[in-house]
């Protein structure tokens, strides 16, 4: 299996699910949290009001990041697993 310019030596297994899902959840969490912070900063500069609640944004980013990141991670793992299985079956 090839990812970018690196060749993976071992096949994708079921144990690879957790790290992939964890990385996707963390990436989506940081993206949602930072985008909402930058949006509130923009609203502050335009309307001169700052309605940012840190803990509310943390909980929102965790909820959205957990849901969409786990779906994204499982999808990425499933596609790579099926691709590795198809390549193995062809050989």
Protein backbone atom coordinates (compact mmCIF):
# COMPACT_ATOMS: atom_id res chain seq x y z
CA UNK A 1 0.00 0.00 0.00
CA UNK A 2 1.30 3.43 -0.91
CA UNK A 3 0.66 6.66 1.02
CA UNK A 4 2.23 9.69 -0.63
CA UNK A 5 5.80 8.80 -1.45
CA UNK A 6 6.12 6.17 1.30
CA UNK A 7 5.45 2.50 0.80
CA UNK A 8 3.81 0.73 3.74
CA UNK A 9 5.35 -2.66 4.44
CA UNK A 10 2.57 -4.10 6.57
CA UNK A 11 -1.12 -4.48 5.65
CA UNK A 12 -3.81 -2.36 7.24
CA UNK A 13 -5.41 -4.20 10.16
CA UNK A 14 -8.19 -3.63 12.65
CA UNK A 15 -5.71 -2.29 15.19
CA UNK A 16 -5.09 0.71 12.97
CA UNK A 17 -8.59 2.07 13.60
CA UNK A 18 -7.96 3.78 16.94
CA UNK A 19 -4.98 5.97 15.96
CA UNK A 20 -6.62 7.05 12.71
CA UNK A 21 -9.88 7.97 14.45
CA UNK A 22 -8.01 9.75 17.26
CA UNK A 23 -5.99 11.84 14.80
CA UNK A 24 -9.10 12.79 12.83
CA UNK A 25 -11.02 13.75 15.99
CA UNK A 26 -8.11 15.93 17.17
CA UNK A 27 -7.73 17.63 13.80
CA UNK A 28 -11.44 18.38 13.49
CA UNK A 29 -11.57 19.59 17.14
CA UNK A 30 -8.74 22.06 16.62
CA UNK A 31 -10.17 23.23 13.30
CA UNK A 32 -13.67 23.87 14.69
CA UNK A 33 -12.35 25.55 17.85
CA UNK A 34 -9.98 27.86 15.99
CA UNK A 35 -12.50 28.74 13.27
CA UNK A 36 -15.12 29.73 15.83
CA UNK A 37 -12.55 31.80 17.73
CA UNK A 38 -11.50 33.64 14.58
CA UNK A 39 -15.14 34.18 13.66
CA UNK A 40 -15.84 35.75 17.06
CA UNK A 41 -12.77 37.96 16.71
CA UNK A 42 -14.03 39.12 13.31
CA UNK A 43 -17.47 39.85 14.77
CA UNK A 44 -15.77 41.83 17.54
CA UNK A 45 -13.95 44.04 15.04
CA UNK A 46 -17.09 44.62 12.96
CA UNK A 47 -19.75 45.05 15.69
CA UNK A 48 -17.59 45.84 18.75
CA UNK A 49 -19.20 43.10 20.80
CA UNK A 50 -17.43 39.97 22.00
CA UNK A 51 -19.73 37.11 22.98
CA UNK A 52 -17.13 34.37 23.25
CA UNK A 53 -17.55 31.76 25.96
CA UNK A 54 -14.45 29.59 26.21
CA UNK A 55 -16.08 26.57 27.88
CA UNK A 56 -19.10 26.62 25.58
CA UNK A 57 -16.77 26.62 22.58
CA UNK A 58 -14.69 23.78 24.04
CA UNK A 59 -17.79 21.63 24.56
CA UNK A 60 -19.16 22.47 21.12
CA UNK A 61 -15.85 21.69 19.42
CA UNK A 62 -15.56 18.43 21.38
CA UNK A 63 -19.08 17.37 20.41
CA UNK A 64 -18.71 18.24 16.73
CA UNK A 65 -15.11 17.03 16.56
CA UNK A 66 -16.00 13.71 18.15
CA UNK A 67 -18.91 13.06 15.84
CA UNK A 68 -17.44 14.17 12.53
CA UNK A 69 -13.87 13.12 13.34
CA UNK A 70 -14.90 9.57 14.23
CA UNK A 71 -16.95 9.31 11.03
CA UNK A 72 -14.04 10.66 8.99
CA UNK A 73 -11.51 8.38 10.70
CA UNK A 74 -13.63 5.27 10.24
CA UNK A 75 -14.20 6.16 6.59
CA UNK A 76 -10.47 6.64 5.96
CA UNK A 77 -9.65 3.36 7.70
CA UNK A 78 -12.37 1.46 5.82
CA UNK A 79 -11.20 2.73 2.44
CA UNK A 80 -7.56 1.84 3.17
CA UNK A 81 -8.54 -1.55 4.59
CA UNK A 82 -10.65 -2.44 1.56
CA UNK A 83 -7.91 -1.23 -0.78
CA UNK A 84 -5.32 -3.42 0.98
CA UNK A 85 -7.71 -6.37 0.88
CA UNK A 86 -8.35 -5.92 -2.85
CA UNK A 87 -4.61 -5.75 -3.56
CA UNK A 88 -4.03 -8.87 -1.48
CA UNK A 89 -6.79 -10.76 -3.29
CA UNK A 90 -5.37 -9.81 -6.72
CA UNK A 91 -1.96 -11.28 -5.90
